[in-house]
Structure formats: structure tokens, C-alpha cells
C-alpha atoms as a PDB file:
ATOM      1  CA  MET A   1      75.037 -30.921  26.238  1.00  0.00           C
ATOM      2  CA  VAL A   2      72.789 -32.150  23.077  1.00  0.00           C
ATOM      3  CA  SER A   3      70.689 -29.546  21.784  1.00  0.00           C
ATOM      4  CA  CYS A   4      67.896 -30.786  19.633  1.00  0.00           C
ATOM      5  CA  ASP A   5      64.088 -29.854  18.502  1.00  0.00           C
ATOM      6  CA  PRO A   6      61.465 -31.386  20.811  1.00  0.00           C
ATOM      7  CA  ALA A   7      60.844 -34.533  18.506  1.00  0.00           C
ATOM      8  CA  MET A   8      64.397 -35.465  18.002  1.00  0.00           C
ATOM      9  CA  CYS A   9      65.064 -35.125  21.991  1.00  0.00           C
ATOM     10  CA  ALA A  10      62.045 -37.310  22.720  1.00  0.00           C
ATOM     11  CA  ALA A  11      63.233 -39.698  20.813  1.00  0.00           C
ATOM     12  CA  LEU A  12      66.933 -39.621  21.886  1.00  0.00           C
ATOM     13  CA  GLU A  13      65.520 -39.968  25.276  1.00  0.00           C
ATOM     14  CA  ALA A  14      63.520 -42.987  24.145  1.00  0.00           C
ATOM     15  CA  LYS A  15      66.633 -44.569  23.172  1.00  0.00           C
ATOM     16  CA  GLY A  16      68.311 -44.318  26.867  1.00  0.00           C
ATOM     17  CA  PHE A  17      70.043 -40.988  25.927  1.00  0.00           C
ATOM     18  CA  PRO A  18      70.135 -39.046  29.306  1.00  0.00           C
ATOM     19  CA  VAL A  19      67.196 -36.439  29.768  1.00  0.00           C
ATOM     20  CA  GLY A  20      69.486 -34.110  31.681  1.00  0.00           C
ATOM     21  CA  ASP A  21      72.104 -33.932  29.003  1.00  0.00           C
ATOM     22  CA  LEU A  22      69.310 -32.570  26.412  1.00  0.00           C
ATOM     23  CA  MET A  23      68.698 -28.987  25.617  1.00  0.00           C
ATOM     24  CA  THR A  24      65.379 -28.928  23.563  1.00  0.00           C
ATOM     25  CA  LEU A  25      64.866 -26.160  21.480  1.00  0.00           C
ATOM     26  CA  GLY A  26      61.952 -24.433  19.797  1.00  0.00           C
ATOM     27  CA  PRO A  27      59.804 -21.418  19.226  1.00  0.00           C
ATOM     28  CA  GLY A  28      60.687 -19.580  22.357  1.00  0.00           C
ATOM     29  CA  SER A  29      63.305 -21.064  23.416  1.00  0.00           C
ATOM     30  CA  GLY A  30      66.874 -19.394  23.385  1.00  0.00           C
ATOM     31  CA  ASP A  31      70.043 -19.917  21.835  1.00  0.00           C
ATOM     32  CA  PRO A  32      71.778 -23.004  22.261  1.00  0.00           C
ATOM     33  CA  LEU A  33      74.199 -21.566  24.340  1.00  0.00           C
ATOM     34  CA  GLY A  34      76.238 -24.121  26.403  1.00  0.00           C
ATOM     35  CA  SER A  35      75.630 -27.150  23.924  1.00  0.00           C
ATOM     36  CA  ALA A  36      78.451 -29.462  23.046  1.00  0.00           C
ATOM     37  CA  VAL A  37      76.725 -30.371  19.878  1.00  0.00           C
ATOM     38  CA  ILE A  38      73.489 -29.456  18.207  1.00  0.00           C
ATOM     39  CA  VAL A  39      71.313 -31.912  16.010  1.00  0.00           C
ATOM     40  CA  ALA A  40      70.328 -29.791  13.410  1.00  0.00           C
ATOM     41  CA  THR A  41      67.374 -31.219  11.523  1.00  0.00           C
ATOM     42  CA  ALA A  42      65.092 -29.371   9.419  1.00  0.00           C
ATOM     43  CA  ALA A  43      63.420 -27.779  12.585  1.00  0.00           C
ATOM     44  CA  VAL A  44      66.825 -26.422  14.059  1.00  0.00           C
ATOM     45  CA  ARG A  45      67.819 -24.749  10.621  1.00  0.00           C
ATOM     46  CA  SER A  46      65.026 -23.046   9.934  1.00  0.00           C
ATOM     47  CA  GLN A  47      64.670 -21.707  13.979  1.00  0.00           C
ATOM     48  CA  PHE A  48      67.948 -20.371  13.437  1.00  0.00           C
ATOM     49  CA  GLY A  49      68.548 -19.669   9.916  1.00  0.00           C
ATOM     50  CA  ASN A  50      72.092 -18.897   8.610  1.00  0.00           C
ATOM     51  CA  ARG A  51      73.147 -18.525  12.570  1.00  0.00           C
ATOM     52  CA  LEU A  52      73.664 -22.023  12.935  1.00  0.00           C
ATOM     53  CA  THR A  53      76.581 -22.227  10.508  1.00  0.00           C
ATOM     54  CA  THR A  54      77.697 -18.291  11.015  1.00  0.00           C
ATOM     55  CA  VAL A  55      77.282 -18.049  14.806  1.00  0.00           C
ATOM     56  CA  TYR A  56      76.419 -21.297  16.632  1.00  0.00           C
ATOM     57  CA  ALA A  57      78.377 -24.643  15.089  1.00  0.00           C
ATOM     58  CA  PRO A  58      80.163 -23.979  11.567  1.00  0.00           C
ATOM     59  CA  ILE A  59      81.159 -27.789  11.924  1.00  0.00           C
ATOM     60  CA  ALA A  60      79.052 -30.884  11.213  1.00  0.00           C
ATOM     61  CA  ILE A  61      80.731 -33.912  12.398  1.00  0.00           C
ATOM     62  CA  ALA A  62      78.416 -36.333  10.734  1.00  0.00           C
ATOM     63  CA  SER A  63      75.630 -36.072   8.063  1.00  0.00           C
ATOM     64  CA  PHE A  64      72.870 -38.386   7.792  1.00  0.00           C
ATOM     65  CA  GLY A  65      70.038 -38.659   5.129  1.00  0.00           C
ATOM     66  CA  SER A  66      69.567 -35.954   2.407  1.00  0.00           C
ATOM     67  CA  GLY A  67      67.790 -32.892   1.293  1.00  0.00           C
ATOM     68  CA  SER A  68      65.008 -31.633   4.129  1.00  0.00           C
ATOM     69  CA  ALA A  69      65.104 -34.886   5.752  1.00  0.00           C
ATOM     70  CA  GLN A  70      69.159 -34.020   6.092  1.00  0.00           C
ATOM     71  CA  ILE A  71      70.436 -34.601   9.720  1.00  0.00           C
ATOM     72  CA  ASP A  72      73.593 -32.722  11.098  1.00  0.00           C
ATOM     73  CA  ILE A  73      75.506 -33.187  13.738  1.00  0.00           C
ATOM     74  CA  ARG A  74      77.450 -30.373  14.455  1.00  0.00           C
ATOM     75  CA  ALA A  75      79.929 -29.193  17.142  1.00  0.00           C
ATOM     76  CA  TYR A  76      79.093 -26.011  18.909  1.00  0.00           C
ATOM     77  CA  ALA A  77      82.005 -23.249  18.760  1.00  0.00           C
ATOM     78  CA  ALA A  78      82.083 -21.475  22.615  1.00  0.00           C
ATOM     79  CA  GLY A  79      84.069 -18.970  21.601  1.00  0.00           C
ATOM     80  CA  GLY A  80      81.782 -18.168  17.975  1.00  0.00           C
ATOM     81  CA  ALA A  81      82.199 -19.838  14.818  1.00  0.00           C
ATOM     82  CA  ALA A  82      84.910 -17.053  13.484  1.00  0.00           C
ATOM     83  CA  ALA A  83      87.220 -17.921  16.442  1.00  0.00           C
ATOM     84  CA  TYR A  84      86.651 -22.207  16.302  1.00  0.00           C
ATOM     85  CA  LEU A  85      87.446 -22.255  12.495  1.00  0.00           C
ATOM     86  CA  ALA A  86      90.767 -19.985  13.569  1.00  0.00           C
ATOM     87  CA  ALA A  87      91.579 -22.271  15.942  1.00  0.00           C
ATOM     88  CA  LEU A  88      90.820 -25.198  13.584  1.00  0.00           C
ATOM     89  CA  ARG A  89      93.281 -24.186  10.714  1.00  0.00           C
ATOM     90  CA  ALA A  90      96.076 -23.136  13.731  1.00  0.00           C
ATOM     91  CA  ASP A  91      96.124 -26.899  14.671  1.00  0.00           C
ATOM     92  CA  GLN A  92      95.640 -27.654  11.063  1.00  0.00           C
ATOM     93  CA  ALA A  93      99.105 -26.246  10.172  1.00  0.00           C
ATOM     94  CA  SER A  94     100.744 -27.402  13.156  1.00  0.00           C
ATOM     95  CA  ARG A  95      99.758 -31.081  12.635  1.00  0.00           C
ATOM     96  CA  GLN A  96     101.437 -30.707   9.064  1.00  0.00           C
ATOM     97  CA  HIS A  97     104.181 -29.236  10.672  1.00  0.00           C
ATOM     98  CA  ILE A  98     104.710 -31.966  12.609  1.00  0.00           C
ATOM     99  CA  GLY A  99     104.341 -34.529  10.051  1.00  0.00           C
ATOM    100  CA  ARG A 100     107.051 -32.890   7.845  1.00  0.00           C
ATOM    101  CA  LEU A 101     109.675 -33.093  10.777  1.00  0.00           C
ATOM    102  CA  PRO A 102     112.958 -34.647   9.956  1.00  0.00           C
ATOM    103  CA  GLY A 103     113.067 -38.050  12.259  1.00  0.00           C
ATOM    104  CA  GLU A 104     109.601 -37.426  13.587  1.00  0.00           C
END
């Protein structure tokens, strides 16, 4: 599921993205629970404020543009941002350890 503001969802649908895989965010809509990805436009950043990065989606996997026109593609953190970041750190440490093993 991809969460986005109404204009971005319409643009994605117009380019052939399946409408059933889009969740429109806007005034009166709930939180982006159940999303896999959040398209963070200025409208979405305004709607969720710092909760976007501290609660829902702490990591940007891609960014386009700059300033107020910047669009971030953010991975949704199902267990919350703190749990997501802890798992990310553990994964990085494990990969670094495996990379240092002799004979590997």
C-alpha cells in the first residue's frame, strides 16, 4: 500500500499505478497505518508534521527535488520508528560482523 496526498495519488493512478494499492491522505483521513511506503510531499509533511519521521516513516529510501517541492519516498515503520531504527542498527551490525569473518 502506498500512501500519498490526493494530487500525488491521482498522478500515480494516471501513470498506471493500481488504485487499489493507493491510500489517499488528507484532512479527515486517518494515519497511514498499513502502508508499505509513504510519498511525503509538502501536503503530507504539513499534515503529519514531525510525526511523519518520528512515528511513521523514519527512513527516506529516495528523494526528488528540493525545498518545499521535495518529495521523499519513505518506508513505513509498522512497529514504530524506534523499533524500526533498532532493527536497522542490528542488521547493519550483523552485516559488518559477517563481513569481517575470516575465510568468508
